[in-house]
Amino acid sequence: MQAKGHHQRRGDAGGGGIAGASVYFSRSALAASAPVFTATTNANGDYTQPLPDGVWYIATGSPGTYI
């Protein structure tokens, strides 16, 4: 399985991405505090993370943003 996404500021209608942001993947709802995997967004705010099959929770370390 592969998780792909885009990380941007909340309310940014233009969709400008945030480069260098951390994206956390965990088997628990507190993904940022107990990550199993961590990805970093590229210059466009995009990330890709291979994951084993199953249910994953995703969080970001940047307040006021969304993925």
PDB file of N, CA and C in Angstrom:
ATOM      1  N   MET A   1       0.849  -1.165   0.000  1.00  0.00           N
ATOM      2  CA  MET A   1       0.000   0.000   0.000  1.00  0.00           C
ATOM      3  C   MET A   1       0.901   1.236   0.000  1.00  0.00           C
ATOM      4  N   GLN A   2       0.426   2.285  -0.625  1.00  0.00           N
ATOM      5  CA  GLN A   2       1.193   3.521  -0.675  1.00  0.00           C
ATOM      6  C   GLN A   2       0.277   4.697  -0.324  1.00  0.00           C
ATOM      7  N   ALA A   3       0.681   5.489   0.653  1.00  0.00           N
ATOM      8  CA  ALA A   3      -0.053   6.703   1.010  1.00  0.00           C
ATOM      9  C   ALA A   3       0.561   7.866   0.249  1.00  0.00           C
ATOM     10  N   LYS A   4      -0.290   8.657  -0.405  1.00  0.00           N
ATOM     11  CA  LYS A   4       0.163   9.843  -1.140  1.00  0.00           C
ATOM     12  C   LYS A   4      -0.733  10.988  -0.740  1.00  0.00           C
ATOM     13  N   GLY A   5      -0.173  12.179  -0.680  1.00  0.00           N
ATOM     14  CA  GLY A   5      -0.992  13.326  -0.341  1.00  0.00           C
ATOM     15  C   GLY A   5      -0.292  14.638  -0.573  1.00  0.00           C
ATOM     16  N   HIS A   6      -0.994  15.695  -0.197  1.00  0.00           N
ATOM     17  CA  HIS A   6      -0.513  17.064  -0.376  1.00  0.00           C
ATOM     18  C   HIS A   6      -0.744  17.795   0.938  1.00  0.00           C
ATOM     19  N   HIS A   7       0.231  18.547   1.374  1.00  0.00           N
ATOM     20  CA  HIS A   7       0.177  19.243   2.658  1.00  0.00           C
ATOM     21  C   HIS A   7       0.151  20.743   2.397  1.00  0.00           C
ATOM     22  N   GLN A   8      -0.897  21.421   2.906  1.00  0.00           N
ATOM     23  CA  GLN A   8      -1.019  22.862   2.662  1.00  0.00           C
ATOM     24  C   GLN A   8      -1.621  23.569   3.862  1.00  0.00           C
ATOM     25  N   ARG A   9      -1.543  24.897   3.847  1.00  0.00           N
ATOM     26  CA  ARG A   9      -2.121  25.706   4.923  1.00  0.00           C
ATOM     27  C   ARG A   9      -3.642  25.712   4.823  1.00  0.00           C
ATOM     28  N   ARG A  10      -4.283  25.667   5.960  1.00  0.00           N
ATOM     29  CA  ARG A  10      -5.743  25.726   6.011  1.00  0.00           C
ATOM     30  C   ARG A  10      -6.194  27.052   5.400  1.00  0.00           C
ATOM     31  N   GLY A  11      -7.191  26.982   4.529  1.00  0.00           N
ATOM     32  CA  GLY A  11      -7.732  28.187   3.905  1.00  0.00           C
ATOM     33  C   GLY A  11      -6.965  28.659   2.680  1.00  0.00           C
ATOM     34  N   ASP A  12      -5.946  27.925   2.264  1.00  0.00           N
ATOM     35  CA  ASP A  12      -5.167  28.307   1.084  1.00  0.00           C
ATOM     36  C   ASP A  12      -5.875  27.783  -0.156  1.00  0.00           C
ATOM     37  N   ALA A  13      -6.734  28.614  -0.743  1.00  0.00           N
ATOM     38  CA  ALA A  13      -7.520  28.203  -1.905  1.00  0.00           C
ATOM     39  C   ALA A  13      -6.645  27.855  -3.104  1.00  0.00           C
ATOM     40  N   GLY A  14      -5.453  28.436  -3.169  1.00  0.00           N
ATOM     41  CA  GLY A  14      -4.547  28.160  -4.282  1.00  0.00           C
ATOM     42  C   GLY A  14      -3.854  26.821  -4.165  1.00  0.00           C
ATOM     43  N   GLY A  15      -3.922  26.204  -2.984  1.00  0.00           N
ATOM     44  CA  GLY A  15      -3.337  24.887  -2.801  1.00  0.00           C
ATOM     45  C   GLY A  15      -1.832  24.867  -2.727  1.00  0.00           C
ATOM     46  N   GLY A  16      -1.205  26.003  -2.423  1.00  0.00           N
ATOM     47  CA  GLY A  16       0.249  26.043  -2.312  1.00  0.00           C
ATOM     48  C   GLY A  16       0.740  25.105  -1.230  1.00  0.00           C
ATOM     49  N   GLY A  17       1.650  24.233  -1.552  1.00  0.00           N
ATOM     50  CA  GLY A  17       2.128  23.236  -0.611  1.00  0.00           C
ATOM     51  C   GLY A  17       3.165  23.757   0.360  1.00  0.00           C
ATOM     52  N   ILE A  18       3.349  23.024   1.446  1.00  0.00           N
ATOM     53  CA  ILE A  18       4.349  23.350   2.457  1.00  0.00           C
ATOM     54  C   ILE A  18       5.516  22.384   2.293  1.00  0.00           C
ATOM     55  N   ALA A  19       6.661  22.908   1.942  1.00  0.00           N
ATOM     56  CA  ALA A  19       7.858  22.081   1.754  1.00  0.00           C
ATOM     57  C   ALA A  19       8.505  21.762   3.098  1.00  0.00           C
ATOM     58  N   GLY A  20       9.036  20.563   3.213  1.00  0.00           N
ATOM     59  CA  GLY A  20       9.799  20.171   4.400  1.00  0.00           C
ATOM     60  C   GLY A  20       8.972  19.861   5.634  1.00  0.00           C
ATOM     61  N   ALA A  21       7.670  19.695   5.490  1.00  0.00           N
ATOM     62  CA  ALA A  21       6.809  19.380   6.638  1.00  0.00           C
ATOM     63  C   ALA A  21       6.867  17.888   6.956  1.00  0.00           C
ATOM     64  N   SER A  22       6.740  17.554   8.218  1.00  0.00           N
ATOM     65  CA  SER A  22       6.702  16.151   8.639  1.00  0.00           C
ATOM     66  C   SER A  22       5.270  15.631   8.594  1.00  0.00           C
ATOM     67  N   VAL A  23       5.126  14.418   8.089  1.00  0.00           N
ATOM     68  CA  VAL A  23       3.837  13.731   8.057  1.00  0.00           C
ATOM     69  C   VAL A  23       4.046  12.401   8.780  1.00  0.00           C
ATOM     70  N   TYR A  24       3.203  12.135   9.786  1.00  0.00           N
ATOM     71  CA  TYR A  24       3.380  10.973  10.664  1.00  0.00           C
ATOM     72  C   TYR A  24       2.316   9.913  10.392  1.00  0.00           C
ATOM     73  N   PHE A  25       2.730   8.657  10.452  1.00  0.00           N
ATOM     74  CA  PHE A  25       1.844   7.515  10.215  1.00  0.00           C
ATOM     75  C   PHE A  25       1.930   6.582  11.409  1.00  0.00           C
ATOM     76  N   SER A  26       0.766   6.216  11.944  1.00  0.00           N
ATOM     77  CA  SER A  26       0.738   5.378  13.144  1.00  0.00           C
ATOM     78  C   SER A  26      -0.460   4.444  13.095  1.00  0.00           C
ATOM     79  N   ARG A  27      -0.405   3.406  13.895  1.00  0.00           N
ATOM     80  CA  ARG A  27      -1.536   2.483  14.046  1.00  0.00           C
ATOM     81  C   ARG A  27      -2.511   2.983  15.110  1.00  0.00           C
ATOM     82  N   SER A  28      -2.151   4.053  15.830  1.00  0.00           N
ATOM     83  CA  SER A  28      -3.030   4.610  16.860  1.00  0.00           C
ATOM     84  C   SER A  28      -3.467   6.014  16.463  1.00  0.00           C
ATOM     85  N   ALA A  29      -4.523   6.493  17.110  1.00  0.00           N
ATOM     86  CA  ALA A  29      -5.083   7.806  16.776  1.00  0.00           C
ATOM     87  C   ALA A  29      -4.127   8.952  17.095  1.00  0.00           C
ATOM     88  N   LEU A  30      -3.130   8.724  17.909  1.00  0.00           N
ATOM     89  CA  LEU A  30      -2.165   9.768  18.262  1.00  0.00           C
ATOM     90  C   LEU A  30      -0.927   9.649  17.377  1.00  0.00           C
ATOM     91  N   ALA A  31      -1.136   9.767  16.088  1.00  0.00           N
ATOM     92  CA  ALA A  31      -0.079   9.507  15.113  1.00  0.00           C
ATOM     93  C   ALA A  31       1.169  10.363  15.320  1.00  0.00           C
ATOM     94  N   ALA A  32       0.998  11.625  15.676  1.00  0.00           N
ATOM     95  CA  ALA A  32       2.157  12.501  15.825  1.00  0.00           C
ATOM     96  C   ALA A  32       2.999  12.165  17.048  1.00  0.00           C
ATOM     97  N   SER A  33       2.383  11.563  18.070  1.00  0.00           N
ATOM     98  CA  SER A  33       3.138  11.271  19.287  1.00  0.00           C
ATOM     99  C   SER A  33       3.736   9.869  19.295  1.00  0.00           C
ATOM    100  N   ALA A  34       3.273   8.996  18.412  1.00  0.00           N
ATOM    101  CA  ALA A  34       3.802   7.628  18.368  1.00  0.00           C
ATOM    102  C   ALA A  34       3.888   7.130  16.923  1.00  0.00           C
ATOM    103  N   PRO A  35       4.649   7.834  16.070  1.00  0.00           N
ATOM    104  CA  PRO A  35       4.688   7.429  14.668  1.00  0.00           C
ATOM    105  C   PRO A  35       5.463   6.127  14.445  1.00  0.00           C
ATOM    106  N   VAL A  36       4.963   5.357  13.495  1.00  0.00           N
ATOM    107  CA  VAL A  36       5.664   4.153  13.040  1.00  0.00           C
ATOM    108  C   VAL A  36       6.534   4.524  11.846  1.00  0.00           C
ATOM    109  N   PHE A  37       6.014   5.425  11.011  1.00  0.00           N
ATOM    110  CA  PHE A  37       6.742   5.946   9.852  1.00  0.00           C
ATOM    111  C   PHE A  37       6.585   7.461   9.822  1.00  0.00           C
ATOM    112  N   THR A  38       7.575   8.133   9.252  1.00  0.00           N
ATOM    113  CA  THR A  38       7.519   9.580   9.062  1.00  0.00           C
ATOM    114  C   THR A  38       7.970   9.899   7.643  1.00  0.00           C
ATOM    115  N   ALA A  39       7.216  10.751   6.962  1.00  0.00           N
ATOM    116  CA  ALA A  39       7.588  11.220   5.625  1.00  0.00           C
ATOM    117  C   ALA A  39       7.826  12.726   5.704  1.00  0.00           C
ATOM    118  N   THR A  40       8.548  13.256   4.744  1.00  0.00           N
ATOM    119  CA  THR A  40       8.792  14.695   4.644  1.00  0.00           C
ATOM    120  C   THR A  40       8.283  15.167   3.292  1.00  0.00           C
ATOM    121  N   THR A  41       7.555  16.265   3.280  1.00  0.00           N
ATOM    122  CA  THR A  41       7.011  16.764   2.020  1.00  0.00           C
ATOM    123  C   THR A  41       8.107  17.344   1.127  1.00  0.00           C
ATOM    124  N   ASN A  42       7.877  17.246  -0.179  1.00  0.00           N
ATOM    125  CA  ASN A  42       8.841  17.776  -1.138  1.00  0.00           C
ATOM    126  C   ASN A  42       8.596  19.278  -1.346  1.00  0.00           C
ATOM    127  N   ALA A  43       9.245  19.874  -2.324  1.00  0.00           N
ATOM    128  CA  ALA A  43       9.153  21.312  -2.574  1.00  0.00           C
ATOM    129  C   ALA A  43       7.734  21.769  -2.910  1.00  0.00           C
ATOM    130  N   ASN A  44       6.893  20.855  -3.411  1.00  0.00           N
ATOM    131  CA  ASN A  44       5.507  21.187  -3.761  1.00  0.00           C
ATOM    132  C   ASN A  44       4.519  20.871  -2.636  1.00  0.00           C
ATOM    133  N   GLY A  45       5.006  20.307  -1.531  1.00  0.00           N
ATOM    134  CA  GLY A  45       4.125  19.937  -0.427  1.00  0.00           C
ATOM    135  C   GLY A  45       3.556  18.533  -0.558  1.00  0.00           C
ATOM    136  N   ASP A  46       4.060  17.752  -1.505  1.00  0.00           N
ATOM    137  CA  ASP A  46       3.569  16.389  -1.720  1.00  0.00           C
ATOM    138  C   ASP A  46       4.393  15.388  -0.922  1.00  0.00           C
ATOM    139  N   TYR A  47       3.745  14.289  -0.519  1.00  0.00           N
ATOM    140  CA  TYR A  47       4.459  13.214   0.165  1.00  0.00           C
ATOM    141  C   TYR A  47       3.977  11.867  -0.349  1.00  0.00           C
ATOM    142  N   THR A  48       4.844  10.873  -0.246  1.00  0.00           N
ATOM    143  CA  THR A  48       4.539   9.487  -0.574  1.00  0.00           C
ATOM    144  C   THR A  48       5.202   8.626   0.478  1.00  0.00           C
ATOM    145  N   GLN A  49       4.453   7.655   1.004  1.00  0.00           N
ATOM    146  CA  GLN A  49       5.012   6.771   2.022  1.00  0.00           C
ATOM    147  C   GLN A  49       4.481   5.359   1.796  1.00  0.00           C
ATOM    148  N   PRO A  50       5.370   4.383   1.515  1.00  0.00           N
ATOM    149  CA  PRO A  50       4.908   2.992   1.449  1.00  0.00           C
ATOM    150  C   PRO A  50       4.536   2.518   2.854  1.00  0.00           C
ATOM    151  N   LEU A  51       3.407   1.811   2.954  1.00  0.00           N
ATOM    152  CA  LEU A  51       2.926   1.306   4.238  1.00  0.00           C
ATOM    153  C   LEU A  51       2.457  -0.134   4.092  1.00  0.00           C
ATOM    154  N   PRO A  52       2.621  -0.938   5.133  1.00  0.00           N
ATOM    155  CA  PRO A  52       2.019  -2.265   5.112  1.00  0.00           C
ATOM    156  C   PRO A  52       0.494  -2.129   5.095  1.00  0.00           C
ATOM    157  N   ASP A  53      -0.194  -3.128   4.578  1.00  0.00           N
ATOM    158  CA  ASP A  53      -1.652  -3.107   4.564  1.00  0.00           C
ATOM    159  C   ASP A  53      -2.200  -2.953   5.974  1.00  0.00           C
ATOM    160  N   GLY A  54      -3.356  -2.316   6.085  1.00  0.00           N
ATOM    161  CA  GLY A  54      -4.011  -2.145   7.372  1.00  0.00           C
ATOM    162  C   GLY A  54      -4.555  -0.737   7.534  1.00  0.00           C
ATOM    163  N   VAL A  55      -5.008  -0.438   8.730  1.00  0.00           N
ATOM    164  CA  VAL A  55      -5.547   0.872   9.066  1.00  0.00           C
ATOM    165  C   VAL A  55      -4.427   1.748   9.607  1.00  0.00           C
ATOM    166  N   TRP A  56      -4.314   2.956   9.049  1.00  0.00           N
ATOM    167  CA  TRP A  56      -3.272   3.895   9.461  1.00  0.00           C
ATOM    168  C   TRP A  56      -3.885   5.243   9.785  1.00  0.00           C
ATOM    169  N   TYR A  57      -3.365   5.898  10.792  1.00  0.00           N
ATOM    170  CA  TYR A  57      -3.732   7.259  11.150  1.00  0.00           C
ATOM    171  C   TYR A  57      -2.599   8.165  10.668  1.00  0.00           C
ATOM    172  N   ILE A  58      -2.985   9.328  10.142  1.00  0.00           N
ATOM    173  CA  ILE A  58      -2.003  10.253   9.584  1.00  0.00           C
ATOM    174  C   ILE A  58      -2.158  11.608  10.269  1.00  0.00           C
ATOM    175  N   ALA A  59      -1.042  12.212  10.626  1.00  0.00           N
ATOM    176  CA  ALA A  59      -1.046  13.537  11.261  1.00  0.00           C
ATOM    177  C   ALA A  59       0.117  14.346  10.718  1.00  0.00           C
ATOM    178  N   THR A  60       0.040  15.655  10.914  1.00  0.00           N
ATOM    179  CA  THR A  60       1.125  16.540  10.523  1.00  0.00           C
ATOM    180  C   THR A  60       1.653  17.285  11.732  1.00  0.00           C
ATOM    181  N   GLY A  61       2.881  17.727  11.658  1.00  0.00           N
ATOM    182  CA  GLY A  61       3.467  18.452  12.757  1.00  0.00           C
ATOM    183  C   GLY A  61       3.380  19.957  12.611  1.00  0.00           C
ATOM    184  N   SER A  62       2.600  20.441  11.643  1.00  0.00           N
ATOM    185  CA  SER A  62       2.482  21.875  11.388  1.00  0.00           C
ATOM    186  C   SER A  62       1.100  22.377  11.786  1.00  0.00           C
ATOM    187  N   PRO A  63       0.989  23.171  12.859  1.00  0.00           N
ATOM    188  CA  PRO A  63      -0.327  23.695  13.263  1.00  0.00           C
ATOM    189  C   PRO A  63      -0.957  24.576  12.169  1.00  0.00           C
ATOM    190  N   GLY A  64      -2.272  24.540  12.077  1.00  0.00           N
ATOM    191  CA  GLY A  64      -2.977  25.377  11.121  1.00  0.00           C
ATOM    192  C   GLY A  64      -2.889  24.883   9.696  1.00  0.00           C
ATOM    193  N   THR A  65      -2.587  23.612   9.525  1.00  0.00           N
ATOM    194  CA  THR A  65      -2.460  23.039   8.195  1.00  0.00           C
ATOM    195  C   THR A  65      -3.317  21.787   8.098  1.00  0.00           C
ATOM    196  N   TYR A  66      -3.447  21.268   6.916  1.00  0.00           N
ATOM    197  CA  TYR A  66      -4.155  20.001   6.748  1.00  0.00           C
ATOM    198  C   TYR A  66      -3.523  19.180   5.636  1.00  0.00           C
ATOM    199  N   ILE A  67      -3.823  17.882   5.656  1.00  0.00           N
ATOM    200  CA  ILE A  67      -3.308  16.964   4.649  1.00  0.00           C
ATOM    201  C   ILE A  67      -4.450  16.286   3.950  1.00  0.00           C
TER     202      ILE A  67
END
